Amino acid sequence: MLEVAAEPTRRRLLQLLAPGERTVTQLASQFTVTRSAISQHLGMLAEAGLVTARKQGRERYYRLDERGVLRLRALMESFWSDELDRLVADAAHYPPSQGDCAMPFEKAVVVPLDPTSTFALITQPDRLRRWMAVAARIELRTGGAYRWTVTPGHSAAGTVIDVDPGKRVVFTWGWEDHGDPPPGGSTVTITLTPVDGGTEVRLVHDGLTAQQAARHAKGWNHFLDRLVVAGQRGDAGPDEWAAAPDPLDELSCAEATLAVLQHVLRGIGASDLTRQTPCTEYDVSQLADHLLRSLAIIGAAAGAQLAPRDVDAPLETQVADAAQAVMEAWRRRGLAGTVELNSNQVPATVPVGILCLEFLVHAWDFAIATGSQVIASEPVSEYVLAVAGKVITPATRNSAGFAAPAAVGSFAPVLDRLIAFTGRQPTAGHVSAT
């Protein structure tokens, strides 16, 4: 009850209801958020027993619940009587910047697109992957959940508070895995305004401490610059922040190689689907089918629930949607213990390591088939080469469909050595390590 009443909008609603009964319309007129957002806040107050509602015609009337307000008062008095002395004593031991909220971080950039297209860039998963996220899902409605893997090993999550398509979106913000702040621990408001030359995107991030604000300022400056580039070119290109996770493990490597793969797939159109890949049994479309089957099998080992495949969607979207569900399931499960894979019990690191290998090697296959470039960092390529040495053993090479290793110089780039180890012949001009 205390948490519900403490939120600023709901606290203001309680104040507005103090004089007597009010309609949702009357209450919403006192706020800048939408009527539906106010209704959601009122619903939470009702669930907490702080307000009651009655319906008359098309309007719903709200008033304070006297018993609930008395319970809230008792809780607050109890809380402060127990905690105030301790808080005063502890305050002397905190560094000055840790407990104090900073001024909100605020930045505006101009994206050279109309508001509708700009809004899609900041809210649609396939657009977010072009400048900010390795993987993304979002329910674009008030109360909807979202989760964005911003860089390998770092996922932001929260709830949509308010959305006005083409104009504004507000959502809570925080980081998974004991993040600072945790999910729901701060609020981001993005407002779009038509201006000469495109759309002004104004981002305000509040609820942060001074230390949190400093870290997030660096991040938002980086990604808002990439947003402008995405508006100019359609894609900001590979993100250097996603290229070489530190530390590297199977999960962060899989997310990094997924980013590499998605960048290649993004350039594939319908006319490319029948092109032959270096895998003699697969054209581009068939290799995508193979990759999606692998994702389903490896995802099932972690309990992933994949949505039905949308065969009409772009190839990058099909793979990204499946991979997002698989990686999220593996993040929940973790790498401890064993799992069942193809009726065998194997260490949990094995299937995720296979994902790293498939993502990077098949990115190369797709790139060769379509004349594009693979951009992979040396640390990630080294890691996948080490994984390949464990997965592709002399005993399993033939049964797994790998040819004998191709000849390659000992000083060849690490990605060339990985490709050669899988039995493929490296081709100059299509591989880049950073």
Protein backbone atom coordinates (compact mmCIF):
# COMPACT_ATOMS: atom_id res chain seq x y z
CA MET A 1 0.00 0.00 0.00
CA LEU A 2 2.85 2.39 0.84
CA GLU A 3 4.54 1.76 -2.51
CA VAL A 4 1.31 2.34 -4.42
CA ALA A 5 0.58 5.63 -2.64
CA ALA A 6 4.18 6.87 -2.89
CA GLU A 7 4.23 7.11 -6.70
CA PRO A 8 3.92 10.85 -7.62
CA THR A 9 0.92 10.59 -9.96
CA ARG A 10 -1.04 8.40 -7.57
CA ARG A 11 -0.13 10.64 -4.63
CA ARG A 12 -1.50 13.62 -6.55
CA LEU A 13 -4.69 11.68 -7.37
CA LEU A 14 -5.27 11.07 -3.66
CA GLN A 15 -4.86 14.79 -3.04
CA LEU A 16 -7.36 15.66 -5.78
CA LEU A 17 -9.90 13.22 -4.33
CA ALA A 18 -9.62 14.64 -0.81
CA PRO A 19 -12.38 17.27 -1.35
CA GLY A 20 -14.80 14.64 -2.68
CA GLU A 21 -15.88 12.45 -5.59
CA ARG A 22 -14.42 13.09 -9.06
CA THR A 23 -14.80 11.52 -12.51
CA VAL A 24 -11.89 10.09 -14.48
CA THR A 25 -12.31 12.92 -16.99
CA GLN A 26 -12.07 15.55 -14.26
CA LEU A 27 -8.99 13.93 -12.78
CA ALA A 28 -7.25 13.41 -16.14
CA SER A 29 -7.65 17.12 -16.95
CA GLN A 30 -5.11 17.85 -14.19
CA PHE A 31 -2.34 15.79 -15.81
CA THR A 32 -0.35 15.76 -19.05
CA VAL A 33 -0.63 11.97 -19.42
CA THR A 34 -3.55 10.29 -21.21
CA ARG A 35 -6.91 9.42 -19.70
CA SER A 36 -6.12 5.70 -20.02
CA ALA A 37 -2.93 6.18 -17.98
CA ILE A 38 -4.92 7.90 -15.22
CA SER A 39 -7.44 5.04 -15.28
CA GLN A 40 -4.60 2.57 -14.77
CA HIS A 41 -3.28 4.54 -11.78
CA LEU A 42 -6.79 4.69 -10.29
CA GLY A 43 -7.12 0.94 -10.76
CA MET A 44 -3.95 0.38 -8.76
CA LEU A 45 -5.24 2.65 -5.98
CA ALA A 46 -8.50 0.70 -5.95
CA GLU A 47 -6.64 -2.63 -5.73
CA ALA A 48 -4.74 -1.24 -2.73
CA GLY A 49 -8.03 -0.31 -1.06
CA LEU A 50 -7.38 3.43 -1.13
CA VAL A 51 -10.22 4.47 -3.45
CA THR A 52 -13.64 3.14 -4.46
CA ALA A 53 -15.44 3.55 -7.77
CA ARG A 54 -18.96 3.61 -9.09
CA LYS A 55 -20.21 3.82 -12.65
CA GLN A 56 -22.91 6.22 -13.78
CA GLY A 57 -23.71 6.31 -17.46
CA ARG A 58 -20.46 6.46 -19.39
CA GLU A 59 -18.49 7.94 -16.53
CA ARG A 60 -16.76 6.26 -13.62
CA TYR A 61 -16.68 8.20 -10.35
CA TYR A 62 -13.90 7.75 -7.78
CA ARG A 63 -13.70 8.72 -4.11
CA LEU A 64 -11.35 8.01 -1.23
CA ASP A 65 -11.97 4.85 0.79
CA GLU A 66 -11.91 6.10 4.39
CA ARG A 67 -10.89 2.76 5.83
CA GLY A 68 -8.06 2.41 3.35
CA VAL A 69 -6.79 5.91 4.06
CA LEU A 70 -6.79 5.18 7.78
CA ARG A 71 -4.79 1.98 7.16
CA LEU A 72 -2.33 3.98 5.07
CA ARG A 73 -1.96 6.52 7.86
CA ALA A 74 -1.29 3.77 10.39
CA LEU A 75 1.31 2.17 8.12
CA MET A 76 3.10 5.47 7.61
CA GLU A 77 3.17 6.25 11.33
CA SER A 78 4.50 2.78 12.08
CA PHE A 79 7.12 3.02 9.37
CA TRP A 80 8.47 6.37 10.51
CA SER A 81 8.46 5.54 14.20
CA ASP A 82 10.52 2.40 13.50
CA GLU A 83 12.79 3.75 10.78
CA LEU A 84 13.43 7.45 11.31
CA ASP A 85 16.10 7.09 13.99
CA ARG A 86 17.93 4.46 11.96
CA LEU A 87 17.81 6.57 8.80
CA VAL A 88 19.21 9.60 10.60
CA ALA A 89 22.04 7.53 12.07
CA ASP A 90 22.85 5.80 8.78
CA ALA A 91 22.83 9.00 6.74
CA ALA A 92 26.15 10.06 8.25
CA HIS A 93 27.83 6.97 6.79
CA TYR A 94 26.76 7.48 3.14
CA PRO A 95 29.01 9.30 0.66
CA PRO A 96 27.23 12.54 -0.29
CA SER A 97 26.39 11.47 -3.86
CA GLN A 98 24.90 8.03 -3.20
CA GLY A 99 21.59 8.84 -1.61
CA ASP A 100 20.76 12.06 -3.45
CA CYS A 101 18.85 12.18 -6.70
CA ALA A 102 20.57 14.17 -9.42
CA MET A 103 18.90 16.53 -11.83
CA PRO A 104 17.27 14.48 -14.60
CA PHE A 105 19.45 13.69 -17.59
CA GLU A 106 18.01 15.49 -20.60
CA LYS A 107 19.11 15.58 -24.22
CA ALA A 108 17.48 16.49 -27.52
CA VAL A 109 18.55 15.48 -31.03
CA VAL A 110 16.95 16.05 -34.42
CA VAL A 111 16.24 12.95 -36.50
CA PRO A 112 15.78 13.65 -40.24
CA LEU A 113 12.48 11.76 -40.44
CA ASP A 114 8.82 12.54 -39.84
CA PRO A 115 7.41 11.87 -36.34
CA THR A 116 5.73 8.60 -37.33
CA SER A 117 8.94 7.10 -38.74
CA THR A 118 10.96 8.44 -35.81
CA PHE A 119 8.49 6.94 -33.33
CA ALA A 120 8.95 3.56 -35.04
CA LEU A 121 12.72 3.84 -34.61
CA ILE A 122 12.39 4.20 -30.84
CA THR A 123 9.58 1.70 -30.23
CA GLN A 124 9.65 -1.11 -32.81
CA PRO A 125 12.02 -4.06 -32.17
CA ASP A 126 13.22 -4.32 -35.78
CA ARG A 127 14.02 -0.59 -35.76
CA LEU A 128 15.60 -0.60 -32.28
CA ARG A 129 18.05 -3.27 -33.48
CA ARG A 130 19.35 -0.78 -36.04
CA TRP A 131 20.79 1.62 -33.46
CA MET A 132 20.33 0.57 -29.81
CA ALA A 133 19.55 -3.07 -29.10
CA VAL A 134 20.94 -6.50 -29.90
CA ALA A 135 17.50 -7.94 -29.09
CA ALA A 136 14.24 -6.29 -28.13
CA ARG A 137 10.63 -6.99 -27.28
CA ILE A 138 7.98 -4.50 -26.22
CA GLU A 139 4.24 -4.44 -25.63
CA LEU A 140 3.51 -0.93 -26.84
CA ARG A 141 0.57 -0.14 -24.58
CA THR A 142 0.05 1.37 -21.16
CA GLY A 143 1.13 -1.29 -18.67
CA GLY A 144 2.98 -3.30 -21.32
CA ALA A 145 6.34 -4.90 -20.53
CA TYR A 146 9.56 -4.46 -22.46
CA ARG A 147 13.05 -5.97 -22.42
CA TRP A 148 15.97 -4.74 -24.49
CA THR A 149 19.40 -6.36 -24.64
CA VAL A 150 21.28 -3.12 -25.14
CA THR A 151 24.73 -4.72 -25.29
CA PRO A 152 25.75 -8.34 -24.66
CA GLY A 153 25.20 -9.14 -20.99
CA HIS A 154 23.29 -5.91 -20.28
CA SER A 155 19.49 -5.96 -20.58
CA ALA A 156 17.14 -3.13 -19.62
CA ALA A 157 13.57 -3.92 -18.60
CA GLY A 158 10.51 -2.13 -17.35
CA THR A 159 6.92 -1.14 -18.02
CA VAL A 160 5.31 1.27 -20.45
CA ILE A 161 3.59 3.99 -18.42
CA ASP A 162 2.09 6.05 -21.23
CA VAL A 163 2.15 6.02 -25.02
CA ASP A 164 0.87 8.53 -27.56
CA PRO A 165 1.92 7.20 -31.00
CA GLY A 166 4.05 9.61 -32.97
CA LYS A 167 4.28 12.02 -30.03
CA ARG A 168 5.39 10.54 -26.73
CA VAL A 169 6.30 7.40 -24.84
CA VAL A 170 7.05 7.03 -21.12
CA PHE A 171 8.47 3.89 -19.52
CA THR A 172 10.17 2.77 -16.34
CA TRP A 173 13.84 1.87 -16.72
CA GLY A 174 16.33 -0.37 -14.96
CA TRP A 175 18.85 -3.16 -15.49
CA GLU A 176 18.37 -6.88 -14.90
CA ASP A 177 20.66 -9.02 -12.73
CA HIS A 178 21.00 -6.70 -9.72
CA GLY A 179 21.33 -3.65 -11.94
CA ASP A 180 21.79 -0.08 -10.81
CA PRO A 181 19.04 1.02 -10.94
CA PRO A 182 17.01 -2.21 -11.02
CA PRO A 183 14.03 -2.63 -13.39
CA GLY A 184 11.41 0.00 -12.53
CA GLY A 185 13.93 2.09 -10.60
CA SER A 186 13.80 5.17 -12.84
CA THR A 187 11.67 6.72 -15.59
CA VAL A 188 12.40 7.66 -19.20
CA THR A 189 10.20 10.11 -21.11
CA ILE A 190 10.72 10.57 -24.87
CA THR A 191 8.83 13.39 -26.58
CA LEU A 192 8.71 13.93 -30.35
CA THR A 193 8.15 17.38 -31.87
CA PRO A 194 8.07 18.22 -35.61
CA VAL A 195 10.79 20.75 -36.48
CA ASP A 196 12.48 22.02 -39.62
CA GLY A 197 14.58 19.19 -40.96
CA GLY A 198 12.78 16.36 -39.21
CA THR A 199 11.70 15.51 -35.67
CA GLU A 200 13.16 16.65 -32.38
CA VAL A 201 13.58 13.72 -30.00
CA ARG A 202 13.82 14.91 -26.40
CA LEU A 203 14.76 12.28 -23.83
CA VAL A 204 14.42 12.92 -20.10
CA HIS A 205 15.68 10.26 -17.67
CA ASP A 206 14.79 10.97 -14.05
CA GLY A 207 14.88 9.12 -10.74
CA LEU A 208 18.66 8.57 -10.92
CA THR A 209 21.33 9.26 -8.33
CA ALA A 210 24.27 11.42 -9.36
CA GLN A 211 26.43 8.36 -10.02
CA GLN A 212 23.70 6.64 -12.03
CA ALA A 213 23.05 9.82 -14.01
CA ALA A 214 26.72 10.11 -14.98
CA ARG A 215 26.81 6.54 -16.30
CA HIS A 216 23.51 6.88 -18.14
CA ALA A 217 24.54 10.21 -19.67
CA LYS A 218 27.44 8.44 -21.38
CA GLY A 219 25.11 5.73 -22.64
CA TRP A 220 22.33 8.01 -23.85
CA ASN A 221 24.81 10.31 -25.63
CA HIS A 222 26.21 7.29 -27.45
CA PHE A 223 22.87 5.85 -28.47
CA LEU A 224 21.12 9.11 -29.34
CA ASP A 225 24.00 9.87 -31.72
CA ARG A 226 23.40 6.46 -33.27
CA LEU A 227 19.67 7.22 -33.50
CA VAL A 228 20.45 10.25 -35.67
CA VAL A 229 22.65 8.12 -37.94
CA ALA A 230 19.91 5.50 -38.21
CA GLY A 231 17.50 8.25 -39.24
CA GLN A 232 19.95 9.41 -41.90
CA ARG A 233 21.02 6.04 -43.29
CA GLY A 234 18.35 3.59 -42.16
CA ASP A 235 20.88 1.73 -40.00
CA ALA A 236 23.60 2.99 -37.65
CA GLY A 237 25.76 -0.05 -38.40
CA PRO A 238 27.49 -2.42 -35.97
CA ASP A 239 27.79 -0.98 -32.48
CA GLU A 240 31.33 -0.98 -31.11
CA TRP A 241 29.89 -1.31 -27.60
CA ALA A 242 28.41 -4.69 -28.56
CA ALA A 243 31.49 -5.99 -30.34
CA ALA A 244 33.67 -7.35 -27.52
CA PRO A 245 31.86 -8.12 -24.24
CA ASP A 246 33.94 -8.17 -21.08
CA PRO A 247 33.77 -10.64 -19.48
CA LEU A 248 33.14 -13.13 -22.26
CA ASP A 249 31.20 -16.30 -21.57
CA GLU A 250 28.94 -18.45 -23.73
CA LEU A 251 25.90 -16.23 -23.14
CA SER A 252 27.56 -12.88 -23.82
CA CYS A 253 29.38 -14.38 -26.81
CA ALA A 254 26.08 -15.68 -28.22
CA GLU A 255 24.56 -12.21 -27.92
CA ALA A 256 27.61 -10.61 -29.55
CA THR A 257 27.62 -13.06 -32.47
CA LEU A 258 23.86 -12.65 -32.83
CA ALA A 259 24.47 -8.93 -33.39
CA VAL A 260 27.01 -9.81 -36.10
CA LEU A 261 24.55 -12.19 -37.78
CA GLN A 262 21.64 -9.74 -37.67
CA HIS A 263 23.71 -7.03 -39.34
CA VAL A 264 24.35 -9.39 -42.27
CA LEU A 265 20.75 -10.62 -42.45
CA ARG A 266 19.41 -7.05 -42.48
CA GLY A 267 20.77 -6.61 -46.00
CA ILE A 268 19.12 -9.74 -47.42
CA GLY A 269 16.06 -9.28 -49.61
CA ALA A 270 13.65 -11.62 -51.37
CA SER A 271 15.87 -11.75 -54.46
CA ASP A 272 18.73 -13.19 -52.37
CA LEU A 273 16.87 -16.21 -51.00
CA THR A 274 17.85 -18.58 -53.83
CA ARG A 275 21.55 -17.65 -53.81
CA GLN A 276 23.91 -20.52 -53.09
CA THR A 277 25.79 -20.45 -49.78
CA PRO A 278 29.20 -22.05 -49.06
CA CYS A 279 27.20 -24.95 -47.57
CA THR A 280 26.64 -26.96 -50.74
CA GLU A 281 23.31 -28.37 -49.54
CA TYR A 282 21.80 -24.97 -48.69
CA ASP A 283 20.80 -21.83 -50.51
CA VAL A 284 20.10 -18.72 -48.40
CA SER A 285 16.50 -19.69 -47.66
CA GLN A 286 17.43 -23.27 -46.75
CA LEU A 287 20.28 -22.12 -44.51
CA ALA A 288 17.83 -19.84 -42.69
CA ASP A 289 15.52 -22.84 -42.20
CA HIS A 290 18.44 -24.82 -40.77
CA LEU A 291 19.37 -21.99 -38.41
CA LEU A 292 15.80 -21.62 -37.15
CA ARG A 293 15.61 -25.38 -36.52
CA SER A 294 18.80 -25.16 -34.48
CA LEU A 295 17.36 -22.27 -32.49
CA ALA A 296 14.22 -24.27 -31.73
CA ILE A 297 16.22 -27.29 -30.54
CA ILE A 298 18.68 -25.30 -28.43
CA GLY A 299 15.91 -23.10 -27.08
CA ALA A 300 13.86 -26.13 -26.03
CA ALA A 301 16.77 -27.26 -23.85
CA ALA A 302 16.21 -24.11 -21.75
CA GLY A 303 12.42 -24.17 -21.91
CA ALA A 304 12.06 -21.43 -24.54
CA GLN A 305 8.61 -20.88 -26.02
CA LEU A 306 8.99 -19.72 -29.64
CA ALA A 307 6.14 -17.95 -31.39
CA PRO A 308 4.98 -19.39 -34.73
CA ARG A 309 7.30 -18.37 -37.54
CA ASP A 310 6.12 -15.48 -39.71
CA VAL A 311 7.39 -16.59 -43.11
CA ASP A 312 6.34 -13.29 -44.68
CA ALA A 313 8.56 -11.22 -42.37
CA PRO A 314 12.08 -10.19 -43.44
CA LEU A 315 14.67 -12.88 -42.78
CA GLU A 316 16.41 -10.78 -40.13
CA THR A 317 13.14 -10.37 -38.24
CA GLN A 318 12.40 -14.11 -38.33
CA VAL A 319 15.81 -15.03 -36.94
CA ALA A 320 15.93 -12.13 -34.46
CA ASP A 321 12.52 -12.92 -32.99
CA ALA A 322 13.40 -16.58 -32.48
CA ALA A 323 16.87 -15.79 -31.13
CA GLN A 324 15.47 -13.22 -28.69
CA ALA A 325 13.17 -15.82 -27.13
CA VAL A 326 15.95 -18.41 -27.00
CA MET A 327 18.52 -16.09 -25.43
CA GLU A 328 16.02 -14.79 -22.89
CA ALA A 329 15.24 -18.38 -21.84
CA TRP A 330 18.94 -19.17 -21.45
CA ARG A 331 19.51 -15.98 -19.46
CA ARG A 332 16.78 -17.10 -17.07
CA ARG A 333 18.18 -20.61 -16.80
CA GLY A 334 21.88 -19.84 -16.61
CA LEU A 335 24.81 -22.08 -17.50
CA ALA A 336 24.98 -24.29 -14.41
CA GLY A 337 24.36 -28.03 -14.52
CA THR A 338 23.31 -30.14 -17.49
CA VAL A 339 20.47 -30.10 -20.02
CA GLU A 340 19.01 -32.56 -22.48
CA LEU A 341 20.09 -31.97 -26.07
CA ASN A 342 19.15 -34.47 -28.78
CA SER A 343 18.29 -37.06 -26.09
CA ASN A 344 21.70 -36.68 -24.41
CA GLN A 345 22.62 -34.98 -21.14
CA VAL A 346 25.28 -32.34 -21.81
CA PRO A 347 26.75 -29.43 -19.83
CA ALA A 348 24.53 -26.37 -20.22
CA THR A 349 27.47 -24.48 -21.72
CA VAL A 350 27.50 -26.80 -24.76
CA PRO A 351 24.27 -25.76 -26.53
CA VAL A 352 24.94 -22.06 -25.92
CA GLY A 353 28.46 -22.54 -27.27
CA ILE A 354 26.93 -24.13 -30.38
CA LEU A 355 24.81 -21.00 -30.79
CA CYS A 356 27.97 -18.85 -30.78
CA LEU A 357 29.45 -21.06 -33.47
CA GLU A 358 26.32 -21.16 -35.62
CA PHE A 359 25.65 -17.43 -35.38
CA LEU A 360 29.16 -16.40 -36.44
CA VAL A 361 29.89 -19.07 -39.05
CA HIS A 362 26.47 -18.76 -40.68
CA ALA A 363 26.85 -14.96 -40.69
CA TRP A 364 29.90 -15.62 -42.84
CA ASP A 365 27.92 -18.07 -45.03
CA PHE A 366 25.16 -15.53 -45.62
CA ALA A 367 27.71 -12.79 -46.31
CA ILE A 368 29.55 -14.85 -48.92
CA ALA A 369 26.26 -15.74 -50.62
CA THR A 370 25.09 -12.13 -50.82
CA GLY A 371 28.36 -10.26 -51.28
CA SER A 372 28.26 -8.50 -47.93
CA GLN A 373 30.76 -8.20 -45.08
CA VAL A 374 31.10 -9.83 -41.68
CA ILE A 375 32.28 -7.43 -38.99
CA ALA A 376 33.35 -9.38 -35.90
CA SER A 377 35.77 -8.43 -33.14
CA GLU A 378 38.95 -10.41 -32.61
CA PRO A 379 38.15 -11.35 -28.97
CA VAL A 380 34.77 -12.78 -29.97
CA SER A 381 36.24 -14.62 -32.96
CA GLU A 382 38.98 -16.09 -30.72
CA TYR A 383 36.36 -17.23 -28.24
CA VAL A 384 34.26 -18.92 -30.93
CA LEU A 385 37.36 -20.60 -32.38
CA ALA A 386 38.02 -22.10 -28.93
CA VAL A 387 34.40 -23.26 -28.74
CA ALA A 388 34.69 -24.79 -32.21
CA GLY A 389 37.67 -26.84 -31.07
CA LYS A 390 35.49 -28.41 -28.36
CA VAL A 391 32.41 -28.94 -30.53
CA ILE A 392 34.00 -30.10 -33.80
CA THR A 393 36.20 -32.98 -32.70
CA PRO A 394 37.80 -35.52 -35.06
CA ALA A 395 35.16 -38.01 -33.92
CA THR A 396 32.22 -35.71 -34.64
CA ARG A 397 33.44 -33.81 -37.70
CA ASN A 398 31.93 -36.12 -40.33
CA SER A 399 28.73 -36.92 -38.45
CA ALA A 400 28.10 -33.21 -37.87
CA GLY A 401 28.55 -32.41 -41.55
CA PHE A 402 31.89 -30.58 -41.37
CA ALA A 403 34.52 -31.09 -44.06
CA ALA A 404 38.20 -31.46 -43.24
CA PRO A 405 39.86 -28.20 -42.12
CA ALA A 406 40.95 -25.99 -45.01
CA ALA A 407 44.56 -24.88 -45.29
CA VAL A 408 45.21 -21.41 -43.92
CA GLY A 409 48.32 -19.54 -42.85
CA SER A 410 49.25 -19.54 -39.17
CA PHE A 411 49.19 -15.73 -39.20
CA ALA A 412 45.82 -15.47 -40.93
CA PRO A 413 43.13 -13.38 -39.21
CA VAL A 414 41.38 -15.30 -36.46
CA LEU A 415 38.03 -15.28 -38.27
CA ASP A 416 39.72 -16.80 -41.34
CA ARG A 417 41.16 -19.52 -39.09
CA LEU A 418 37.72 -20.22 -37.63
CA ILE A 419 36.14 -20.48 -41.08
CA ALA A 420 38.95 -22.76 -42.27
CA PHE A 421 38.56 -24.98 -39.19
CA THR A 422 34.91 -25.61 -40.12
CA GLY A 423 36.01 -26.91 -43.53
CA ARG A 424 35.23 -23.75 -45.49
CA GLN A 425 37.67 -21.81 -47.65
CA PRO A 426 38.14 -18.23 -46.38
CA THR A 427 37.46 -15.61 -49.05
CA ALA A 428 39.25 -12.28 -48.98
CA GLY A 429 37.14 -9.15 -48.86
CA HIS A 430 34.22 -10.54 -46.90
CA VAL A 431 35.69 -10.73 -43.41
CA SER A 432 36.57 -7.94 -41.04
CA ALA A 433 37.73 -8.11 -37.44
CA THR A 434 37.82 -5.04 -35.22
